[in-house]
Amino acid sequence: MNQAQKFPAQGLYAITRDLEGDRASLVDEVAKAVRGGAAVIQYRAKCPLDPYSEATALLALCRSAGIPLIINDDIALAQSVGADGVHLGSMDQAYSVARAVLGPTALIGVSCYDDIDRAKNAAEQGADYVAFGRFFPSRTKPGAPTASLDTLLRARSIVQVPVVAIGGITLKNAETLLQQGADLLAVVEGVFGMGDPEQNARSFRDLF
């Protein structure tokens, strides 16, 4: 694991979407978000054509920009491409497994949904960030359980690692999450699903 830098304390956490086009389309879209000021990129691909090639191309892009590339769910892929780390959900392998495979400098984030105890446990084990959500209706995960805004406030006083908010985040509702204590905003459609990803990312960046 060849880490580029530490996990940022705040900013836009842009998450890729599945595209019907080729790898160049994915990289071009992410490059625009990076130019717009994304602080982190997560490679999330549920139906990838070539995950190794896609992740490798995105890693080169993130390395040139000096920002981390996180791989969603797939510890083996993160290890094979030398990504900065991995994001784990409740159905993925345990934090301890990811840490053992990826090493002490890898960035490991954990989805905590609306569960403060899960976040506290993850942070105590050494997670680099914890994520809560969904907070609003989401096209990416329409059936995901909802999280309370109060959870962000509680988390801010309990964990000492960055707190990420995710789920249906738009420029219209983002301020509410920041006011409640979110350090980073994890966004898919709000960056990549409408208009220009560069301008969308810049607009989110300006909130910080």
N, C-alpha and C. Protein backbone atom coordinates (compact mmCIF):
# COMPACT_ATOMS: atom_id res chain seq x y z
N MET A 1 0.84 -1.19 0.00
CA MET A 1 0.00 0.00 0.00
C MET A 1 0.89 1.25 0.00
N ASN A 2 0.73 2.03 -1.03
CA ASN A 2 1.59 3.19 -1.22
C ASN A 2 0.76 4.47 -1.07
N GLN A 3 0.55 4.87 0.18
CA GLN A 3 -0.38 5.95 0.47
C GLN A 3 0.13 7.30 0.00
N ALA A 4 -0.76 8.09 -0.59
CA ALA A 4 -0.39 9.42 -1.10
C ALA A 4 -0.39 10.45 0.01
N GLN A 5 -1.42 10.46 0.85
CA GLN A 5 -1.51 11.46 1.91
C GLN A 5 -2.56 11.03 2.91
N LYS A 6 -2.72 11.79 3.97
CA LYS A 6 -3.70 11.47 4.98
C LYS A 6 -5.11 11.81 4.49
N PHE A 7 -6.08 11.25 5.17
CA PHE A 7 -7.47 11.55 4.84
C PHE A 7 -7.74 13.01 5.21
N PRO A 8 -8.39 13.76 4.32
CA PRO A 8 -8.61 15.18 4.59
C PRO A 8 -9.56 15.42 5.76
N ALA A 9 -9.40 16.55 6.41
CA ALA A 9 -10.24 16.89 7.55
C ALA A 9 -11.62 17.38 7.13
N GLN A 10 -11.73 17.87 5.90
CA GLN A 10 -13.03 18.32 5.41
C GLN A 10 -13.01 18.38 3.89
N GLY A 11 -14.20 18.52 3.29
CA GLY A 11 -14.25 18.70 1.85
C GLY A 11 -15.25 17.78 1.16
N LEU A 12 -15.21 17.82 -0.16
CA LEU A 12 -16.10 17.00 -0.99
C LEU A 12 -15.49 15.61 -1.20
N TYR A 13 -16.28 14.61 -0.90
CA TYR A 13 -15.90 13.21 -1.08
C TYR A 13 -16.74 12.71 -2.27
N ALA A 14 -16.16 12.75 -3.45
CA ALA A 14 -16.89 12.41 -4.67
C ALA A 14 -16.83 10.91 -4.94
N ILE A 15 -17.98 10.31 -5.21
CA ILE A 15 -18.08 8.87 -5.44
C ILE A 15 -18.50 8.61 -6.87
N THR A 16 -17.77 7.75 -7.55
CA THR A 16 -18.05 7.49 -8.96
C THR A 16 -19.36 6.73 -9.13
N ARG A 17 -19.89 6.81 -10.34
CA ARG A 17 -21.09 6.07 -10.70
C ARG A 17 -20.75 5.12 -11.85
N ASP A 18 -21.59 4.10 -12.04
CA ASP A 18 -21.41 3.20 -13.17
C ASP A 18 -21.77 3.92 -14.46
N LEU A 19 -20.90 3.82 -15.45
CA LEU A 19 -21.14 4.44 -16.75
C LEU A 19 -21.26 3.36 -17.82
N GLU A 20 -22.06 3.65 -18.85
CA GLU A 20 -22.19 2.71 -19.96
C GLU A 20 -21.05 2.88 -20.96
N GLY A 21 -20.31 3.98 -20.85
CA GLY A 21 -19.22 4.24 -21.78
C GLY A 21 -17.95 3.51 -21.40
N ASP A 22 -16.84 3.89 -22.01
CA ASP A 22 -15.58 3.22 -21.75
C ASP A 22 -14.86 3.86 -20.56
N ARG A 23 -13.67 3.31 -20.27
CA ARG A 23 -12.90 3.80 -19.13
C ARG A 23 -12.55 5.27 -19.27
N ALA A 24 -12.32 5.72 -20.50
CA ALA A 24 -11.97 7.12 -20.73
C ALA A 24 -13.08 8.05 -20.26
N SER A 25 -14.33 7.62 -20.43
CA SER A 25 -15.46 8.44 -19.99
C SER A 25 -15.46 8.59 -18.47
N LEU A 26 -15.18 7.50 -17.78
CA LEU A 26 -15.12 7.53 -16.32
C LEU A 26 -14.00 8.45 -15.85
N VAL A 27 -12.82 8.29 -16.42
CA VAL A 27 -11.68 9.10 -16.00
C VAL A 27 -11.92 10.57 -16.32
N ASP A 28 -12.50 10.86 -17.46
CA ASP A 28 -12.79 12.24 -17.83
C ASP A 28 -13.75 12.88 -16.85
N GLU A 29 -14.78 12.14 -16.47
CA GLU A 29 -15.76 12.65 -15.53
C GLU A 29 -15.13 12.94 -14.17
N VAL A 30 -14.32 12.00 -13.70
CA VAL A 30 -13.66 12.18 -12.40
C VAL A 30 -12.63 13.30 -12.47
N ALA A 31 -11.93 13.42 -13.58
CA ALA A 31 -10.94 14.50 -13.73
C ALA A 31 -11.60 15.86 -13.58
N LYS A 32 -12.80 15.99 -14.10
CA LYS A 32 -13.52 17.26 -13.96
C LYS A 32 -13.85 17.54 -12.50
N ALA A 33 -14.28 16.52 -11.77
CA ALA A 33 -14.58 16.71 -10.36
C ALA A 33 -13.33 17.08 -9.56
N VAL A 34 -12.21 16.47 -9.93
CA VAL A 34 -10.94 16.78 -9.26
C VAL A 34 -10.55 18.23 -9.53
N ARG A 35 -10.69 18.66 -10.78
CA ARG A 35 -10.39 20.06 -11.10
C ARG A 35 -11.31 21.01 -10.33
N GLY A 36 -12.52 20.55 -10.07
CA GLY A 36 -13.45 21.39 -9.33
C GLY A 36 -13.19 21.44 -7.84
N GLY A 37 -12.29 20.59 -7.36
CA GLY A 37 -11.90 20.68 -5.95
C GLY A 37 -12.28 19.52 -5.07
N ALA A 38 -12.64 18.36 -5.64
CA ALA A 38 -12.93 17.19 -4.81
C ALA A 38 -11.72 16.85 -3.95
N ALA A 39 -11.96 16.57 -2.69
CA ALA A 39 -10.87 16.28 -1.75
C ALA A 39 -10.54 14.80 -1.67
N VAL A 40 -11.50 13.96 -2.05
CA VAL A 40 -11.35 12.51 -2.03
C VAL A 40 -12.15 11.95 -3.20
N ILE A 41 -11.65 10.88 -3.82
CA ILE A 41 -12.42 10.15 -4.81
C ILE A 41 -12.61 8.72 -4.32
N GLN A 42 -13.85 8.25 -4.38
CA GLN A 42 -14.10 6.84 -4.11
C GLN A 42 -14.53 6.15 -5.41
N TYR A 43 -13.84 5.06 -5.72
CA TYR A 43 -14.21 4.26 -6.88
C TYR A 43 -15.26 3.25 -6.44
N ARG A 44 -16.50 3.49 -6.86
CA ARG A 44 -17.62 2.61 -6.53
C ARG A 44 -18.23 2.14 -7.84
N ALA A 45 -18.05 0.86 -8.15
CA ALA A 45 -18.54 0.33 -9.42
C ALA A 45 -19.21 -1.01 -9.17
N LYS A 46 -20.51 -1.05 -9.31
CA LYS A 46 -21.25 -2.29 -9.08
C LYS A 46 -21.25 -3.19 -10.32
N CYS A 47 -21.08 -2.58 -11.49
CA CYS A 47 -21.05 -3.37 -12.73
C CYS A 47 -19.87 -2.93 -13.60
N PRO A 48 -18.65 -3.04 -13.11
CA PRO A 48 -17.49 -2.55 -13.87
C PRO A 48 -17.14 -3.45 -15.04
N LEU A 49 -16.66 -2.84 -16.11
CA LEU A 49 -16.18 -3.61 -17.26
C LEU A 49 -14.81 -4.19 -16.96
N ASP A 50 -13.96 -3.39 -16.34
CA ASP A 50 -12.59 -3.81 -16.04
C ASP A 50 -12.14 -3.07 -14.79
N PRO A 51 -12.51 -3.56 -13.61
CA PRO A 51 -12.24 -2.81 -12.38
C PRO A 51 -10.77 -2.50 -12.14
N TYR A 52 -9.88 -3.42 -12.48
CA TYR A 52 -8.45 -3.17 -12.25
C TYR A 52 -7.98 -2.00 -13.11
N SER A 53 -8.34 -2.00 -14.38
CA SER A 53 -7.91 -0.92 -15.27
C SER A 53 -8.54 0.40 -14.88
N GLU A 54 -9.82 0.37 -14.53
CA GLU A 54 -10.49 1.60 -14.13
C GLU A 54 -9.88 2.18 -12.87
N ALA A 55 -9.67 1.32 -11.87
CA ALA A 55 -9.10 1.79 -10.61
C ALA A 55 -7.66 2.28 -10.81
N THR A 56 -6.90 1.61 -11.65
CA THR A 56 -5.53 2.03 -11.91
C THR A 56 -5.50 3.41 -12.56
N ALA A 57 -6.39 3.62 -13.52
CA ALA A 57 -6.45 4.92 -14.20
C ALA A 57 -6.86 6.02 -13.24
N LEU A 58 -7.81 5.73 -12.37
CA LEU A 58 -8.25 6.73 -11.40
C LEU A 58 -7.16 7.01 -10.36
N LEU A 59 -6.40 5.98 -10.00
CA LEU A 59 -5.31 6.19 -9.05
C LEU A 59 -4.26 7.13 -9.62
N ALA A 60 -3.93 6.95 -10.89
CA ALA A 60 -2.95 7.84 -11.53
C ALA A 60 -3.45 9.28 -11.52
N LEU A 61 -4.74 9.45 -11.78
CA LEU A 61 -5.34 10.79 -11.75
C LEU A 61 -5.27 11.40 -10.36
N CYS A 62 -5.63 10.61 -9.36
CA CYS A 62 -5.61 11.12 -7.99
C CYS A 62 -4.19 11.39 -7.50
N ARG A 63 -3.24 10.54 -7.90
CA ARG A 63 -1.85 10.78 -7.52
C ARG A 63 -1.37 12.12 -8.07
N SER A 64 -1.72 12.41 -9.32
CA SER A 64 -1.26 13.67 -9.92
C SER A 64 -1.89 14.87 -9.25
N ALA A 65 -3.06 14.68 -8.66
CA ALA A 65 -3.75 15.78 -7.98
C ALA A 65 -3.42 15.83 -6.49
N GLY A 66 -2.76 14.79 -5.98
CA GLY A 66 -2.39 14.75 -4.57
C GLY A 66 -3.55 14.49 -3.64
N ILE A 67 -4.58 13.74 -4.11
CA ILE A 67 -5.71 13.41 -3.27
C ILE A 67 -5.87 11.89 -3.19
N PRO A 68 -6.52 11.38 -2.14
CA PRO A 68 -6.64 9.93 -1.97
C PRO A 68 -7.67 9.30 -2.90
N LEU A 69 -7.40 8.06 -3.30
CA LEU A 69 -8.39 7.22 -3.98
C LEU A 69 -8.77 6.10 -3.03
N ILE A 70 -10.06 6.02 -2.74
CA ILE A 70 -10.60 4.98 -1.87
C ILE A 70 -11.39 4.01 -2.75
N ILE A 71 -11.24 2.72 -2.50
CA ILE A 71 -11.99 1.69 -3.23
C ILE A 71 -13.18 1.25 -2.38
N ASN A 72 -14.35 1.24 -2.96
CA ASN A 72 -15.53 0.79 -2.23
C ASN A 72 -15.57 -0.73 -2.14
N ASP A 73 -15.70 -1.24 -0.94
CA ASP A 73 -15.96 -2.66 -0.65
C ASP A 73 -14.80 -3.62 -0.89
N ASP A 74 -14.02 -3.43 -1.93
CA ASP A 74 -13.13 -4.47 -2.44
C ASP A 74 -11.70 -4.32 -1.92
N ILE A 75 -11.39 -5.04 -0.85
CA ILE A 75 -10.07 -4.98 -0.24
C ILE A 75 -9.00 -5.50 -1.20
N ALA A 76 -9.30 -6.58 -1.90
CA ALA A 76 -8.33 -7.17 -2.81
C ALA A 76 -7.99 -6.22 -3.95
N LEU A 77 -8.99 -5.53 -4.48
CA LEU A 77 -8.73 -4.57 -5.56
C LEU A 77 -7.90 -3.41 -5.05
N ALA A 78 -8.21 -2.92 -3.86
CA ALA A 78 -7.43 -1.82 -3.28
C ALA A 78 -5.97 -2.22 -3.13
N GLN A 79 -5.73 -3.44 -2.70
CA GLN A 79 -4.37 -3.92 -2.54
C GLN A 79 -3.66 -4.07 -3.89
N SER A 80 -4.38 -4.62 -4.86
CA SER A 80 -3.74 -4.94 -6.13
C SER A 80 -3.34 -3.69 -6.92
N VAL A 81 -4.11 -2.63 -6.82
CA VAL A 81 -3.77 -1.41 -7.57
C VAL A 81 -2.93 -0.44 -6.74
N GLY A 82 -2.81 -0.70 -5.43
CA GLY A 82 -2.06 0.21 -4.57
C GLY A 82 -2.82 1.46 -4.22
N ALA A 83 -4.16 1.35 -4.14
CA ALA A 83 -4.99 2.50 -3.78
C ALA A 83 -4.70 2.94 -2.36
N ASP A 84 -5.18 4.12 -2.00
CA ASP A 84 -4.91 4.66 -0.67
C ASP A 84 -5.68 3.95 0.43
N GLY A 85 -6.80 3.32 0.06
CA GLY A 85 -7.55 2.63 1.08
C GLY A 85 -8.85 2.07 0.58
N VAL A 86 -9.73 1.72 1.51
CA VAL A 86 -10.98 1.04 1.19
C VAL A 86 -12.09 1.56 2.10
N HIS A 87 -13.30 1.50 1.57
CA HIS A 87 -14.48 1.85 2.37
C HIS A 87 -15.29 0.58 2.60
N LEU A 88 -15.69 0.33 3.85
CA LEU A 88 -16.36 -0.90 4.23
C LEU A 88 -17.79 -0.65 4.69
N GLY A 89 -18.73 -1.45 4.18
CA GLY A 89 -20.10 -1.42 4.65
C GLY A 89 -20.36 -2.56 5.60
N SER A 90 -21.60 -2.69 6.03
CA SER A 90 -21.92 -3.72 7.03
C SER A 90 -21.81 -5.13 6.48
N MET A 91 -21.93 -5.29 5.16
CA MET A 91 -21.88 -6.61 4.55
C MET A 91 -20.47 -6.96 4.05
N ASP A 92 -19.53 -6.05 4.21
CA ASP A 92 -18.16 -6.29 3.75
C ASP A 92 -17.33 -6.96 4.84
N GLN A 93 -16.09 -7.25 4.51
CA GLN A 93 -15.20 -7.85 5.50
C GLN A 93 -14.91 -6.87 6.63
N ALA A 94 -14.49 -7.42 7.76
CA ALA A 94 -14.29 -6.61 8.96
C ALA A 94 -13.12 -5.64 8.81
N TYR A 95 -13.16 -4.59 9.61
CA TYR A 95 -12.08 -3.62 9.64
C TYR A 95 -10.74 -4.30 9.89
N SER A 96 -10.72 -5.25 10.83
CA SER A 96 -9.45 -5.90 11.18
C SER A 96 -8.85 -6.64 9.99
N VAL A 97 -9.71 -7.19 9.14
CA VAL A 97 -9.23 -7.89 7.94
C VAL A 97 -8.61 -6.90 6.97
N ALA A 98 -9.32 -5.79 6.75
CA ALA A 98 -8.80 -4.77 5.83
C ALA A 98 -7.47 -4.22 6.32
N ARG A 99 -7.36 -3.97 7.60
CA ARG A 99 -6.12 -3.42 8.14
C ARG A 99 -4.98 -4.42 8.00
N ALA A 100 -5.27 -5.69 8.25
CA ALA A 100 -4.24 -6.72 8.14
C ALA A 100 -3.73 -6.85 6.71
N VAL A 101 -4.64 -6.73 5.75
CA VAL A 101 -4.28 -6.89 4.34
C VAL A 101 -3.59 -5.65 3.80
N LEU A 102 -4.14 -4.48 4.11
CA LEU A 102 -3.67 -3.24 3.49
C LEU A 102 -2.55 -2.55 4.26
N GLY A 103 -2.39 -2.88 5.53
CA GLY A 103 -1.27 -2.31 6.28
C GLY A 103 -1.63 -1.08 7.10
N PRO A 104 -0.71 -0.63 7.92
CA PRO A 104 -0.98 0.43 8.89
C PRO A 104 -1.22 1.81 8.30
N THR A 105 -0.75 2.05 7.08
CA THR A 105 -0.91 3.40 6.51
C THR A 105 -2.13 3.53 5.61
N ALA A 106 -2.83 2.44 5.35
CA ALA A 106 -4.01 2.50 4.49
C ALA A 106 -5.11 3.32 5.14
N LEU A 107 -5.90 3.99 4.31
CA LEU A 107 -7.06 4.73 4.78
C LEU A 107 -8.27 3.81 4.75
N ILE A 108 -8.89 3.62 5.90
CA ILE A 108 -10.04 2.72 5.99
C ILE A 108 -11.21 3.48 6.59
N GLY A 109 -12.31 3.52 5.84
CA GLY A 109 -13.53 4.15 6.31
C GLY A 109 -14.61 3.12 6.51
N VAL A 110 -15.55 3.43 7.39
CA VAL A 110 -16.59 2.47 7.76
C VAL A 110 -17.96 3.13 7.68
N SER A 111 -18.89 2.48 7.00
CA SER A 111 -20.28 2.94 6.97
C SER A 111 -20.94 2.62 8.30
N CYS A 112 -21.56 3.63 8.90
CA CYS A 112 -22.17 3.43 10.22
C CYS A 112 -23.68 3.69 10.20
N TYR A 113 -24.20 4.10 9.06
CA TYR A 113 -25.64 4.25 8.86
C TYR A 113 -26.21 5.25 9.87
N ASP A 114 -26.91 4.76 10.91
CA ASP A 114 -27.42 5.66 11.96
C ASP A 114 -26.99 5.14 13.32
N ASP A 115 -25.86 4.44 13.33
CA ASP A 115 -25.42 3.69 14.51
C ASP A 115 -24.18 4.33 15.14
N ILE A 116 -24.39 5.06 16.22
CA ILE A 116 -23.29 5.72 16.92
C ILE A 116 -22.32 4.70 17.51
N ASP A 117 -22.83 3.61 18.05
CA ASP A 117 -21.96 2.60 18.65
C ASP A 117 -21.03 1.97 17.60
N ARG A 118 -21.55 1.76 16.41
CA ARG A 118 -20.71 1.21 15.33
C ARG A 118 -19.59 2.19 14.99
N ALA A 119 -19.92 3.48 14.97
CA ALA A 119 -18.92 4.50 14.68
C ALA A 119 -17.87 4.56 15.79
N LYS A 120 -18.32 4.52 17.02
CA LYS A 120 -17.40 4.57 18.15
C LYS A 120 -16.45 3.38 18.13
N ASN A 121 -16.98 2.21 17.84
CA ASN A 121 -16.16 1.00 17.78
C ASN A 121 -15.16 1.08 16.63
N ALA A 122 -15.61 1.56 15.48
CA ALA A 122 -14.72 1.67 14.31
C ALA A 122 -13.58 2.64 14.60
N ALA A 123 -13.91 3.78 15.19
CA ALA A 123 -12.90 4.77 15.50
C ALA A 123 -11.89 4.23 16.51
N GLU A 124 -12.37 3.51 17.50
CA GLU A 124 -11.48 2.95 18.52
C GLU A 124 -10.55 1.89 17.92
N GLN A 125 -11.01 1.19 16.90
CA GLN A 125 -10.16 0.19 16.24
C GLN A 125 -9.09 0.84 15.37
N GLY A 126 -9.35 2.09 14.95
CA GLY A 126 -8.37 2.78 14.13
C GLY A 126 -8.86 3.26 12.79
N ALA A 127 -10.18 3.21 12.56
CA ALA A 127 -10.72 3.69 11.28
C ALA A 127 -10.33 5.15 11.07
N ASP A 128 -10.08 5.51 9.83
CA ASP A 128 -9.64 6.87 9.50
C ASP A 128 -10.80 7.83 9.36
N TYR A 129 -12.00 7.30 9.12
CA TYR A 129 -13.20 8.13 9.09
C TYR A 129 -14.43 7.23 9.26
N VAL A 130 -15.54 7.82 9.65
CA VAL A 130 -16.80 7.09 9.75
C VAL A 130 -17.84 7.83 8.91
N ALA A 131 -18.76 7.07 8.32
CA ALA A 131 -19.77 7.67 7.44
C ALA A 131 -21.16 7.34 7.93
N PHE A 132 -22.03 8.33 7.89
CA PHE A 132 -23.43 8.15 8.30
C PHE A 132 -24.36 8.50 7.14
N GLY A 133 -25.50 7.83 7.07
CA GLY A 133 -26.49 8.13 6.05
C GLY A 133 -27.21 6.86 5.62
N ARG A 134 -28.30 7.00 4.83
CA ARG A 134 -28.59 8.16 4.02
C ARG A 134 -29.43 9.19 4.77
N PHE A 135 -29.23 10.45 4.48
CA PHE A 135 -29.99 11.51 5.14
C PHE A 135 -31.17 11.99 4.30
N PHE A 136 -31.09 11.82 2.99
CA PHE A 136 -32.14 12.28 2.10
C PHE A 136 -32.41 11.20 1.06
N PRO A 137 -33.56 11.27 0.36
CA PRO A 137 -33.84 10.28 -0.69
C PRO A 137 -32.69 10.19 -1.69
N SER A 138 -32.31 8.96 -2.03
CA SER A 138 -31.12 8.75 -2.85
C SER A 138 -31.44 7.91 -4.07
N ARG A 139 -30.98 8.36 -5.24
CA ARG A 139 -31.12 7.57 -6.46
C ARG A 139 -30.13 6.42 -6.48
N THR A 140 -28.99 6.60 -5.84
CA THR A 140 -27.96 5.55 -5.84
C THR A 140 -28.37 4.37 -4.97
N LYS A 141 -28.93 4.68 -3.78
CA LYS A 141 -29.39 3.63 -2.87
C LYS A 141 -30.78 3.99 -2.36
N PRO A 142 -31.80 3.82 -3.20
CA PRO A 142 -33.16 4.25 -2.82
C PRO A 142 -33.72 3.49 -1.63
N GLY A 143 -33.26 2.27 -1.40
CA GLY A 143 -33.80 1.48 -0.29
C GLY A 143 -32.98 1.52 0.97
N ALA A 144 -31.95 2.33 1.00
CA ALA A 144 -31.08 2.40 2.18
C ALA A 144 -31.83 2.99 3.37
N PRO A 145 -31.54 2.52 4.58
CA PRO A 145 -32.19 3.08 5.77
C PRO A 145 -31.79 4.53 5.98
N THR A 146 -32.68 5.28 6.59
CA THR A 146 -32.40 6.70 6.82
C THR A 146 -31.63 6.91 8.12
N ALA A 147 -30.93 8.02 8.18
CA ALA A 147 -30.19 8.41 9.38
C ALA A 147 -30.72 9.75 9.87
N SER A 148 -30.62 9.97 11.16
CA SER A 148 -31.11 11.20 11.77
C SER A 148 -30.02 12.27 11.76
N LEU A 149 -30.44 13.51 11.55
CA LEU A 149 -29.49 14.61 11.62
C LEU A 149 -28.87 14.71 13.00
N ASP A 150 -29.62 14.32 14.02
CA ASP A 150 -29.08 14.36 15.39
C ASP A 150 -27.89 13.43 15.55
N THR A 151 -27.84 12.38 14.72
CA THR A 151 -26.71 11.44 14.79
C THR A 151 -25.40 12.14 14.49
N LEU A 152 -25.42 13.08 13.55
CA LEU A 152 -24.20 13.82 13.23
C LEU A 152 -23.72 14.63 14.43
N LEU A 153 -24.64 15.29 15.11
CA LEU A 153 -24.27 16.08 16.28
C LEU A 153 -23.68 15.19 17.37
N ARG A 154 -24.30 14.06 17.61
CA ARG A 154 -23.81 13.14 18.62
C ARG A 154 -22.44 12.58 18.25
N ALA A 155 -22.29 12.23 16.98
CA ALA A 155 -21.02 11.66 16.53
C ALA A 155 -19.88 12.65 16.71
N ARG A 156 -20.16 13.90 16.44
CA ARG A 156 -19.12 14.93 16.52
C ARG A 156 -18.52 15.01 17.92
N SER A 157 -19.33 14.69 18.95
CA SER A 157 -18.83 14.77 20.33
C SER A 157 -18.26 13.45 20.83
N ILE A 158 -18.42 12.39 20.04
CA ILE A 158 -17.99 11.06 20.50
C ILE A 158 -16.74 10.57 19.78
N VAL A 159 -16.65 10.78 18.47
CA VAL A 159 -15.50 10.27 17.72
C VAL A 159 -14.55 11.40 17.38
N GLN A 160 -13.29 11.06 17.24
CA GLN A 160 -12.25 12.05 16.97
C GLN A 160 -11.70 11.95 15.55
N VAL A 161 -12.43 11.23 14.69
CA VAL A 161 -12.03 11.11 13.29
C VAL A 161 -13.05 11.86 12.43
N PRO A 162 -12.69 12.18 11.19
CA PRO A 162 -13.63 12.89 10.33
C PRO A 162 -14.95 12.14 10.16
N VAL A 163 -16.04 12.91 10.14
CA VAL A 163 -17.38 12.37 9.98
C VAL A 163 -17.89 12.71 8.58
N VAL A 164 -18.28 11.67 7.85
CA VAL A 164 -18.76 11.84 6.48
C VAL A 164 -20.27 11.63 6.43
N ALA A 165 -20.96 12.52 5.76
CA ALA A 165 -22.40 12.38 5.54
C ALA A 165 -22.63 11.92 4.10
N ILE A 166 -23.60 11.03 3.91
CA ILE A 166 -23.87 10.49 2.57
C ILE A 166 -25.37 10.27 2.40
N GLY A 167 -25.80 10.33 1.15
CA GLY A 167 -27.19 9.96 0.85
C GLY A 167 -28.05 11.10 0.38
N GLY A 168 -28.22 11.24 -0.93
CA GLY A 168 -29.13 12.24 -1.48
C GLY A 168 -28.70 13.67 -1.28
N ILE A 169 -27.40 13.90 -1.15
CA ILE A 169 -26.92 15.25 -0.84
C ILE A 169 -26.89 16.11 -2.09
N THR A 170 -27.47 17.29 -1.97
CA THR A 170 -27.48 18.27 -3.05
C THR A 170 -26.98 19.61 -2.51
N LEU A 171 -26.78 20.54 -3.40
CA LEU A 171 -26.36 21.87 -2.96
C LEU A 171 -27.44 22.54 -2.11
N LYS A 172 -28.68 22.11 -2.25
CA LYS A 172 -29.77 22.72 -1.49
C LYS A 172 -29.84 22.22 -0.05
N ASN A 173 -29.39 20.98 0.19
CA ASN A 173 -29.48 20.45 1.55
C ASN A 173 -28.13 20.26 2.24
N ALA A 174 -27.05 20.54 1.53
CA ALA A 174 -25.71 20.29 2.07
C ALA A 174 -25.40 21.11 3.30
N GLU A 175 -25.81 22.36 3.31
CA GLU A 175 -25.52 23.26 4.44
C GLU A 175 -26.05 22.68 5.74
N THR A 176 -27.22 22.08 5.69
CA THR A 176 -27.82 21.50 6.89
C THR A 176 -26.91 20.45 7.51
N LEU A 177 -26.32 19.61 6.68
CA LEU A 177 -25.43 18.56 7.17
C LEU A 177 -24.15 19.14 7.76
N LEU A 178 -23.62 20.17 7.13
CA LEU A 178 -22.42 20.81 7.67
C LEU A 178 -22.71 21.47 9.01
N GLN A 179 -23.86 22.09 9.12
CA GLN A 179 -24.24 22.74 10.38
C GLN A 179 -24.43 21.73 11.50
N GLN A 180 -24.80 20.50 11.12
CA GLN A 180 -25.01 19.46 12.13
C GLN A 180 -23.72 18.74 12.51
N GLY A 181 -22.62 19.06 11.83
CA GLY A 181 -21.34 18.49 12.23
C GLY A 181 -20.61 17.64 11.23
N ALA A 182 -21.16 17.47 10.02
CA ALA A 182 -20.45 16.68 9.00
C ALA A 182 -19.17 17.40 8.58
N ASP A 183 -18.09 16.64 8.46
CA ASP A 183 -16.81 17.19 8.00
C ASP A 183 -16.67 17.09 6.49
N LEU A 184 -17.16 15.99 5.94
CA LEU A 184 -17.11 15.78 4.50
C LEU A 184 -18.48 15.38 3.99
N LEU A 185 -18.75 15.72 2.74
CA LEU A 185 -20.00 15.36 2.10
C LEU A 185 -19.70 14.36 0.98
N ALA A 186 -20.26 13.16 1.07
CA ALA A 186 -20.06 12.13 0.07
C ALA A 186 -21.19 12.22 -0.95
N VAL A 187 -20.84 12.49 -2.20
CA VAL A 187 -21.85 12.80 -3.21
C VAL A 187 -21.59 12.01 -4.49
N VAL A 188 -22.66 11.45 -5.04
CA VAL A 188 -22.58 10.77 -6.34
C VAL A 188 -23.32 11.61 -7.38
N GLU A 189 -24.65 11.55 -7.35
CA GLU A 189 -25.46 12.21 -8.37
C GLU A 189 -25.32 13.72 -8.36
N GLY A 190 -25.14 14.30 -7.18
CA GLY A 190 -25.01 15.74 -7.09
C GLY A 190 -23.78 16.29 -7.79
N VAL A 191 -22.80 15.42 -8.00
CA VAL A 191 -21.59 15.81 -8.74
C VAL A 191 -21.64 15.30 -10.17
N PHE A 192 -21.94 13.99 -10.32
CA PHE A 192 -21.81 13.35 -11.63
C PHE A 192 -23.12 13.16 -12.38
N GLY A 193 -24.24 13.35 -11.72
CA GLY A 193 -25.51 13.02 -12.35
C GLY A 193 -26.22 14.16 -13.03
N MET A 194 -25.68 15.36 -12.94
CA MET A 194 -26.36 16.51 -13.54
C MET A 194 -25.35 17.60 -13.88
N GLY A 195 -25.44 18.13 -15.09
CA GLY A 195 -24.60 19.25 -15.47
C GLY A 195 -23.12 18.90 -15.53
N ASP A 196 -22.30 19.88 -15.25
CA ASP A 196 -20.85 19.78 -15.38
C ASP A 196 -20.24 19.34 -14.04
N PRO A 197 -19.58 18.17 -13.97
CA PRO A 197 -18.98 17.72 -12.72
C PRO A 197 -17.98 18.71 -12.13
N GLU A 198 -17.26 19.43 -12.98
CA GLU A 198 -16.29 20.39 -12.46
C GLU A 198 -16.99 21.53 -11.74
N GLN A 199 -18.02 22.08 -12.34
CA GLN A 199 -18.74 23.17 -11.70
C GLN A 199 -19.50 22.69 -10.47
N ASN A 200 -20.07 21.50 -10.55
CA ASN A 200 -20.77 20.94 -9.39
C ASN A 200 -19.81 20.76 -8.22
N ALA A 201 -18.64 20.19 -8.50
CA ALA A 201 -17.65 19.98 -7.45
C ALA A 201 -17.20 21.30 -6.86
N ARG A 202 -17.00 22.29 -7.72
CA ARG A 202 -16.57 23.60 -7.23
C ARG A 202 -17.63 24.22 -6.32
N SER A 203 -18.88 24.04 -6.66
CA SER A 203 -19.95 24.60 -5.85
C SER A 203 -20.00 23.92 -4.48
N PHE A 204 -19.78 22.62 -4.44
CA PHE A 204 -19.72 21.93 -3.15
C PHE A 204 -18.48 22.38 -2.37
N ARG A 205 -17.36 22.46 -3.05
CA ARG A 205 -16.11 22.88 -2.39
C ARG A 205 -16.28 24.23 -1.72
N ASP A 206 -16.98 25.13 -2.38
CA ASP A 206 -17.14 26.48 -1.85
C ASP A 206 -17.93 26.50 -0.54
N LEU A 207 -18.68 25.43 -0.26
CA LEU A 207 -19.44 25.37 0.99
C LEU A 207 -18.50 25.27 2.19
N PHE A 208 -17.28 24.81 1.94
CA PHE A 208 -16.32 24.61 3.04
C PHE A 208 -15.43 25.83 3.24
